[in-house]
Every structure is written in structure tokens, then in C-alpha cells.
PDB file of N, CA and C in Angstrom:
ATOM      1  N   ILE A   1     -31.454 -28.162 -83.667  1.00  0.00           N
ATOM      2  CA  ILE A   1     -31.030 -27.358 -82.544  1.00  0.00           C
ATOM      3  C   ILE A   1     -31.205 -25.875 -82.873  1.00  0.00           C
ATOM      4  N   PHE A   2     -30.911 -25.471 -84.095  1.00  0.00           N
ATOM      5  CA  PHE A   2     -31.063 -24.069 -84.477  1.00  0.00           C
ATOM      6  C   PHE A   2     -32.518 -23.629 -84.325  1.00  0.00           C
ATOM      7  N   PHE A   3     -33.460 -24.451 -84.775  1.00  0.00           N
ATOM      8  CA  PHE A   3     -34.879 -24.097 -84.678  1.00  0.00           C
ATOM      9  C   PHE A   3     -35.285 -23.876 -83.230  1.00  0.00           C
ATOM     10  N   PHE A   4     -34.803 -24.703 -82.333  1.00  0.00           N
ATOM     11  CA  PHE A   4     -35.146 -24.582 -80.927  1.00  0.00           C
ATOM     12  C   PHE A   4     -34.721 -23.214 -80.395  1.00  0.00           C
ATOM     13  N   GLY A   5     -33.545 -22.759 -80.785  1.00  0.00           N
ATOM     14  CA  GLY A   5     -33.065 -21.445 -80.352  1.00  0.00           C
ATOM     15  C   GLY A   5     -33.911 -20.323 -80.903  1.00  0.00           C
ATOM     16  N   VAL A   6     -34.376 -20.449 -82.128  1.00  0.00           N
ATOM     17  CA  VAL A   6     -35.222 -19.429 -82.727  1.00  0.00           C
ATOM     18  C   VAL A   6     -36.582 -19.423 -82.050  1.00  0.00           C
ATOM     19  N   ALA A   7     -37.104 -20.593 -81.738  1.00  0.00           N
ATOM     20  CA  ALA A   7     -38.416 -20.690 -81.105  1.00  0.00           C
ATOM     21  C   ALA A   7     -38.418 -20.035 -79.729  1.00  0.00           C
ATOM     22  N   LEU A   8     -37.309 -20.065 -79.027  1.00  0.00           N
ATOM     23  CA  LEU A   8     -37.235 -19.466 -77.701  1.00  0.00           C
ATOM     24  C   LEU A   8     -36.852 -17.996 -77.736  1.00  0.00           C
ATOM     25  N   SER A   9     -36.606 -17.468 -78.904  1.00  0.00           N
ATOM     26  CA  SER A   9     -36.192 -16.079 -79.054  1.00  0.00           C
ATOM     27  C   SER A   9     -37.266 -15.132 -78.527  1.00  0.00           C
ATOM     28  N   GLN A  10     -36.833 -14.071 -77.887  1.00  0.00           N
ATOM     29  CA  GLN A  10     -37.752 -13.042 -77.416  1.00  0.00           C
ATOM     30  C   GLN A  10     -37.651 -11.789 -78.284  1.00  0.00           C
ATOM     31  N   ALA A  11     -37.189 -11.967 -79.520  1.00  0.00           N
ATOM     32  CA  ALA A  11     -37.096 -10.835 -80.443  1.00  0.00           C
ATOM     33  C   ALA A  11     -38.491 -10.254 -80.654  1.00  0.00           C
ATOM     34  N   PRO A  12     -38.599  -8.940 -80.745  1.00  0.00           N
ATOM     35  CA  PRO A  12     -39.922  -8.328 -80.912  1.00  0.00           C
ATOM     36  C   PRO A  12     -40.540  -8.672 -82.266  1.00  0.00           C
ATOM     37  N   ILE A  13     -41.853  -8.680 -82.279  1.00  0.00           N
ATOM     38  CA  ILE A  13     -42.593  -8.811 -83.535  1.00  0.00           C
ATOM     39  C   ILE A  13     -42.741  -7.400 -84.073  1.00  0.00           C
ATOM     40  N   LYS A  14     -42.271  -7.185 -85.282  1.00  0.00           N
ATOM     41  CA  LYS A  14     -42.266  -5.850 -85.874  1.00  0.00           C
ATOM     42  C   LYS A  14     -43.482  -5.680 -86.774  1.00  0.00           C
ATOM     43  N   VAL A  15     -44.181  -4.559 -86.567  1.00  0.00           N
ATOM     44  CA  VAL A  15     -45.351  -4.224 -87.360  1.00  0.00           C
ATOM     45  C   VAL A  15     -45.091  -2.864 -87.995  1.00  0.00           C
ATOM     46  N   GLY A  16     -45.232  -2.793 -89.310  1.00  0.00           N
ATOM     47  CA  GLY A  16     -44.996  -1.542 -90.018  1.00  0.00           C
ATOM     48  C   GLY A  16     -46.241  -0.675 -90.070  1.00  0.00           C
ATOM     49  N   ARG A  17     -46.019   0.621 -90.073  1.00  0.00           N
ATOM     50  CA  ARG A  17     -47.113   1.572 -90.189  1.00  0.00           C
ATOM     51  C   ARG A  17     -46.647   2.769 -91.001  1.00  0.00           C
ATOM     52  N   THR A  18     -47.570   3.383 -91.714  1.00  0.00           N
ATOM     53  CA  THR A  18     -47.283   4.585 -92.482  1.00  0.00           C
ATOM     54  C   THR A  18     -48.122   5.710 -91.916  1.00  0.00           C
ATOM     55  N   ILE A  19     -47.475   6.791 -91.548  1.00  0.00           N
ATOM     56  CA  ILE A  19     -48.184   7.964 -91.052  1.00  0.00           C
ATOM     57  C   ILE A  19     -47.606   9.210 -91.722  1.00  0.00           C
ATOM     58  N   SER A  20     -48.265  10.334 -91.490  1.00  0.00           N
ATOM     59  CA  SER A  20     -47.851  11.598 -92.100  1.00  0.00           C
ATOM     60  C   SER A  20     -47.600  12.643 -91.021  1.00  0.00           C
ATOM     61  N   PRO A  21     -46.444  12.611 -90.356  1.00  0.00           N
ATOM     62  CA  PRO A  21     -46.178  13.598 -89.318  1.00  0.00           C
ATOM     63  C   PRO A  21     -45.923  14.999 -89.872  1.00  0.00           C
ATOM     64  N   CYS A  22     -45.903  15.111 -91.182  1.00  0.00           N
ATOM     65  CA  CYS A  22     -45.799  16.422 -91.823  1.00  0.00           C
ATOM     66  C   CYS A  22     -46.623  16.369 -93.105  1.00  0.00           C
ATOM     67  N   GLY A  23     -47.018  17.521 -93.589  1.00  0.00           N
ATOM     68  CA  GLY A  23     -47.790  17.558 -94.822  1.00  0.00           C
ATOM     69  C   GLY A  23     -49.273  17.767 -94.578  1.00  0.00           C
ATOM     70  N   THR A  24     -50.066  17.506 -95.582  1.00  0.00           N
ATOM     71  CA  THR A  24     -51.493  17.780 -95.578  1.00  0.00           C
ATOM     72  C   THR A  24     -52.242  17.084 -94.443  1.00  0.00           C
ATOM     73  N   PHE A  25     -51.887  15.855 -94.138  1.00  0.00           N
ATOM     74  CA  PHE A  25     -52.622  15.066 -93.142  1.00  0.00           C
ATOM     75  C   PHE A  25     -51.908  14.970 -91.806  1.00  0.00           C
ATOM     76  N   GLU A  26     -51.098  15.964 -91.501  1.00  0.00           N
ATOM     77  CA  GLU A  26     -50.313  15.969 -90.259  1.00  0.00           C
ATOM     78  C   GLU A  26     -51.206  15.858 -89.020  1.00  0.00           C
ATOM     79  N   ARG A  27     -52.260  16.640 -88.960  1.00  0.00           N
ATOM     80  CA  ARG A  27     -53.123  16.649 -87.773  1.00  0.00           C
ATOM     81  C   ARG A  27     -53.814  15.307 -87.574  1.00  0.00           C
ATOM     82  N   GLU A  28     -54.389  14.762 -88.631  1.00  0.00           N
ATOM     83  CA  GLU A  28     -55.085  13.484 -88.543  1.00  0.00           C
ATOM     84  C   GLU A  28     -54.125  12.354 -88.173  1.00  0.00           C
ATOM     85  N   SER A  29     -52.931  12.420 -88.711  1.00  0.00           N
ATOM     86  CA  SER A  29     -51.942  11.371 -88.453  1.00  0.00           C
ATOM     87  C   SER A  29     -51.507  11.338 -86.999  1.00  0.00           C
ATOM     88  N   GLN A  30     -51.534  12.483 -86.327  1.00  0.00           N
ATOM     89  CA  GLN A  30     -51.154  12.521 -84.917  1.00  0.00           C
ATOM     90  C   GLN A  30     -52.101  11.677 -84.081  1.00  0.00           C
ATOM     91  N   PHE A  31     -53.401  11.732 -84.393  1.00  0.00           N
ATOM     92  CA  PHE A  31     -54.378  10.909 -83.674  1.00  0.00           C
ATOM     93  C   PHE A  31     -54.117   9.419 -83.905  1.00  0.00           C
ATOM     94  N   ILE A  32     -53.823   9.066 -85.133  1.00  0.00           N
ATOM     95  CA  ILE A  32     -53.538   7.666 -85.468  1.00  0.00           C
ATOM     96  C   ILE A  32     -52.271   7.206 -84.762  1.00  0.00           C
ATOM     97  N   GLU A  33     -51.232   8.025 -84.810  1.00  0.00           N
ATOM     98  CA  GLU A  33     -49.972   7.664 -84.153  1.00  0.00           C
ATOM     99  C   GLU A  33     -50.159   7.504 -82.643  1.00  0.00           C
ATOM    100  N   ASP A  34     -50.895   8.418 -82.030  1.00  0.00           N
ATOM    101  CA  ASP A  34     -51.146   8.321 -80.589  1.00  0.00           C
ATOM    102  C   ASP A  34     -51.885   7.027 -80.253  1.00  0.00           C
ATOM    103  N   GLY A  35     -52.884   6.682 -81.057  1.00  0.00           N
ATOM    104  CA  GLY A  35     -53.644   5.460 -80.825  1.00  0.00           C
ATOM    105  C   GLY A  35     -52.793   4.210 -80.971  1.00  0.00           C
ATOM    106  N   LEU A  36     -51.964   4.166 -81.999  1.00  0.00           N
ATOM    107  CA  LEU A  36     -51.107   2.997 -82.201  1.00  0.00           C
ATOM    108  C   LEU A  36     -50.039   2.881 -81.113  1.00  0.00           C
ATOM    109  N   ASN A  37     -49.500   4.013 -80.677  1.00  0.00           N
ATOM    110  CA  ASN A  37     -48.524   3.982 -79.576  1.00  0.00           C
ATOM    111  C   ASN A  37     -49.176   3.511 -78.277  1.00  0.00           C
ATOM    112  N   PHE A  38     -50.424   3.945 -78.040  1.00  0.00           N
ATOM    113  CA  PHE A  38     -51.155   3.498 -76.867  1.00  0.00           C
ATOM    114  C   PHE A  38     -51.366   1.983 -76.927  1.00  0.00           C
ATOM    115  N   TRP A  39     -51.757   1.486 -78.091  1.00  0.00           N
ATOM    116  CA  TRP A  39     -51.970   0.042 -78.288  1.00  0.00           C
ATOM    117  C   TRP A  39     -50.679  -0.726 -78.030  1.00  0.00           C
ATOM    118  N   MET A  40     -49.557  -0.253 -78.603  1.00  0.00           N
ATOM    119  CA  MET A  40     -48.281  -0.930 -78.415  1.00  0.00           C
ATOM    120  C   MET A  40     -47.888  -0.968 -76.939  1.00  0.00           C
ATOM    121  N   ALA A  41     -48.044   0.146 -76.248  1.00  0.00           N
ATOM    122  CA  ALA A  41     -47.698   0.195 -74.827  1.00  0.00           C
ATOM    123  C   ALA A  41     -48.568  -0.762 -74.017  1.00  0.00           C
ATOM    124  N   ASP A  42     -49.847  -0.821 -74.333  1.00  0.00           N
ATOM    125  CA  ASP A  42     -50.755  -1.719 -73.626  1.00  0.00           C
ATOM    126  C   ASP A  42     -50.390  -3.180 -73.867  1.00  0.00           C
ATOM    127  N   VAL A  43     -50.126  -3.529 -75.125  1.00  0.00           N
ATOM    128  CA  VAL A  43     -49.745  -4.910 -75.464  1.00  0.00           C
ATOM    129  C   VAL A  43     -48.465  -5.289 -74.734  1.00  0.00           C
ATOM    130  N   ASN A  44     -47.465  -4.432 -74.773  1.00  0.00           N
ATOM    131  CA  ASN A  44     -46.183  -4.748 -74.144  1.00  0.00           C
ATOM    132  C   ASN A  44     -46.284  -4.793 -72.624  1.00  0.00           C
ATOM    133  N   GLN A  45     -47.152  -3.960 -72.048  1.00  0.00           N
ATOM    134  CA  GLN A  45     -47.349  -3.982 -70.600  1.00  0.00           C
ATOM    135  C   GLN A  45     -47.967  -5.316 -70.164  1.00  0.00           C
ATOM    136  N   ARG A  46     -48.756  -5.928 -71.030  1.00  0.00           N
ATOM    137  CA  ARG A  46     -49.394  -7.215 -70.731  1.00  0.00           C
ATOM    138  C   ARG A  46     -48.490  -8.405 -71.056  1.00  0.00           C
ATOM    139  N   GLY A  47     -47.270  -8.127 -71.476  1.00  0.00           N
ATOM    140  CA  GLY A  47     -46.326  -9.210 -71.746  1.00  0.00           C
ATOM    141  C   GLY A  47     -46.046  -9.434 -73.212  1.00  0.00           C
ATOM    142  N   GLY A  48     -46.676  -8.700 -74.101  1.00  0.00           N
ATOM    143  CA  GLY A  48     -46.428  -8.827 -75.528  1.00  0.00           C
ATOM    144  C   GLY A  48     -47.590  -9.480 -76.246  1.00  0.00           C
ATOM    145  N   LEU A  49     -47.412  -9.670 -77.549  1.00  0.00           N
ATOM    146  CA  LEU A  49     -48.442 -10.317 -78.362  1.00  0.00           C
ATOM    147  C   LEU A  49     -48.531 -11.794 -78.014  1.00  0.00           C
ATOM    148  N   LEU A  50     -49.735 -12.292 -77.896  1.00  0.00           N
ATOM    149  CA  LEU A  50     -49.971 -13.694 -77.603  1.00  0.00           C
ATOM    150  C   LEU A  50     -49.893 -14.478 -78.907  1.00  0.00           C
ATOM    151  N   LEU A  51     -49.001 -15.445 -78.965  1.00  0.00           N
ATOM    152  CA  LEU A  51     -48.831 -16.268 -80.155  1.00  0.00           C
ATOM    153  C   LEU A  51     -49.669 -17.541 -80.045  1.00  0.00           C
ATOM    154  N   ALA A  52     -49.808 -18.239 -81.166  1.00  0.00           N
ATOM    155  CA  ALA A  52     -50.627 -19.449 -81.217  1.00  0.00           C
ATOM    156  C   ALA A  52     -50.147 -20.520 -80.248  1.00  0.00           C
ATOM    157  N   ASP A  53     -48.851 -20.561 -79.961  1.00  0.00           N
ATOM    158  CA  ASP A  53     -48.321 -21.590 -79.059  1.00  0.00           C
ATOM    159  C   ASP A  53     -48.447 -21.202 -77.582  1.00  0.00           C
ATOM    160  N   GLY A  54     -49.073 -20.053 -77.302  1.00  0.00           N
ATOM    161  CA  GLY A  54     -49.276 -19.612 -75.927  1.00  0.00           C
ATOM    162  C   GLY A  54     -48.171 -18.718 -75.393  1.00  0.00           C
ATOM    163  N   SER A  55     -47.099 -18.559 -76.139  1.00  0.00           N
ATOM    164  CA  SER A  55     -46.012 -17.683 -75.694  1.00  0.00           C
ATOM    165  C   SER A  55     -46.343 -16.233 -76.050  1.00  0.00           C
ATOM    166  N   ARG A  56     -45.583 -15.324 -75.495  1.00  0.00           N
ATOM    167  CA  ARG A  56     -45.770 -13.899 -75.759  1.00  0.00           C
ATOM    168  C   ARG A  56     -44.447 -13.289 -76.208  1.00  0.00           C
ATOM    169  N   ARG A  57     -44.540 -12.347 -77.145  1.00  0.00           N
ATOM    170  CA  ARG A  57     -43.348 -11.629 -77.610  1.00  0.00           C
ATOM    171  C   ARG A  57     -43.662 -10.143 -77.662  1.00  0.00           C
ATOM    172  N   PRO A  58     -42.680  -9.302 -77.352  1.00  0.00           N
ATOM    173  CA  PRO A  58     -42.930  -7.856 -77.375  1.00  0.00           C
ATOM    174  C   PRO A  58     -43.250  -7.359 -78.778  1.00  0.00           C
ATOM    175  N   LEU A  59     -43.940  -6.249 -78.826  1.00  0.00           N
ATOM    176  CA  LEU A  59     -44.353  -5.621 -80.076  1.00  0.00           C
ATOM    177  C   LEU A  59     -43.486  -4.398 -80.330  1.00  0.00           C
ATOM    178  N   GLN A  60     -43.074  -4.226 -81.568  1.00  0.00           N
ATOM    179  CA  GLN A  60     -42.311  -3.033 -81.973  1.00  0.00           C
ATOM    180  C   GLN A  60     -42.962  -2.473 -83.222  1.00  0.00           C
ATOM    181  N   LEU A  61     -43.280  -1.184 -83.210  1.00  0.00           N
ATOM    182  CA  LEU A  61     -43.858  -0.539 -84.380  1.00  0.00           C
ATOM    183  C   LEU A  61     -42.759   0.163 -85.174  1.00  0.00           C
ATOM    184  N   ILE A  62     -42.724  -0.092 -86.460  1.00  0.00           N
ATOM    185  CA  ILE A  62     -41.778   0.552 -87.365  1.00  0.00           C
ATOM    186  C   ILE A  62     -42.569   1.591 -88.158  1.00  0.00           C
ATOM    187  N   THR A  63     -42.100   2.837 -88.137  1.00  0.00           N
ATOM    188  CA  THR A  63     -42.840   3.932 -88.750  1.00  0.00           C
ATOM    189  C   THR A  63     -42.169   4.419 -90.026  1.00  0.00           C
ATOM    190  N   TYR A  64     -42.980   4.621 -91.051  1.00  0.00           N
ATOM    191  CA  TYR A  64     -42.540   5.232 -92.303  1.00  0.00           C
ATOM    192  C   TYR A  64     -43.300   6.532 -92.483  1.00  0.00           C
ATOM    193  N   ASN A  65     -42.591   7.621 -92.730  1.00  0.00           N
ATOM    194  CA  ASN A  65     -43.195   8.931 -92.956  1.00  0.00           C
ATOM    195  C   ASN A  65     -43.509   9.088 -94.431  1.00  0.00           C
ATOM    196  N   ASP A  66     -44.791   9.084 -94.773  1.00  0.00           N
ATOM    197  CA  ASP A  66     -45.151   9.235 -96.188  1.00  0.00           C
ATOM    198  C   ASP A  66     -45.330  10.707 -96.590  1.00  0.00           C
ATOM    199  N   ALA A  67     -45.191  11.623 -95.626  1.00  0.00           N
ATOM    200  CA  ALA A  67     -45.220  13.077 -95.860  1.00  0.00           C
ATOM    201  C   ALA A  67     -46.490  13.527 -96.583  1.00  0.00           C
ATOM    202  N   SER A  68     -47.563  12.781 -96.439  1.00  0.00           N
ATOM    203  CA  SER A  68     -48.871  13.123 -97.032  1.00  0.00           C
ATOM    204  C   SER A  68     -48.802  13.276 -98.547  1.00  0.00           C
ATOM    205  N   ASP A  69     -47.900  12.557 -99.176  1.00  0.00           N
ATOM    206  CA  ASP A  69     -47.865  12.654-100.640  1.00  0.00           C
ATOM    207  C   ASP A  69     -48.228  11.318-101.234  1.00  0.00           C
TER     208      ASP A  69
END
């Protein structure tokens, strides 16, 4: 029964990313961040990531600031 509840969960799929919003690569990182945010918005607007079983779950991006070091 527990597995069934987990399978029906609509919890977002979390994807980690590392960018540099400050530091040496600040400018380049802005382009990458904009592109990934655009991708996330597009995926979520279409109903989320398509899983192997045909279901969809929302996407959430987790950001780590590496400060270009």
C-alpha cells in the first residue's frame, strides 16, 4: 500500500545545477541560467517530465552557487 501512494505522488523531480551568479564567470552563467529556467518553464507548462510509465511530474531545479571558484 505504501508503494502505491508513492507511485501516485506528484512530488517534483529535482535536478541539481551549478552556476556562477557572481565571480569570474558571472556573465556566462547568466546565459546558462536563463536557458535552464526557460527549459524548466517549458517542461512544466507541458505537464512536467514524461516518465517511463507515461505519467508526468513537475520539474524543479536546485541551484548551487559555485562563485566561479
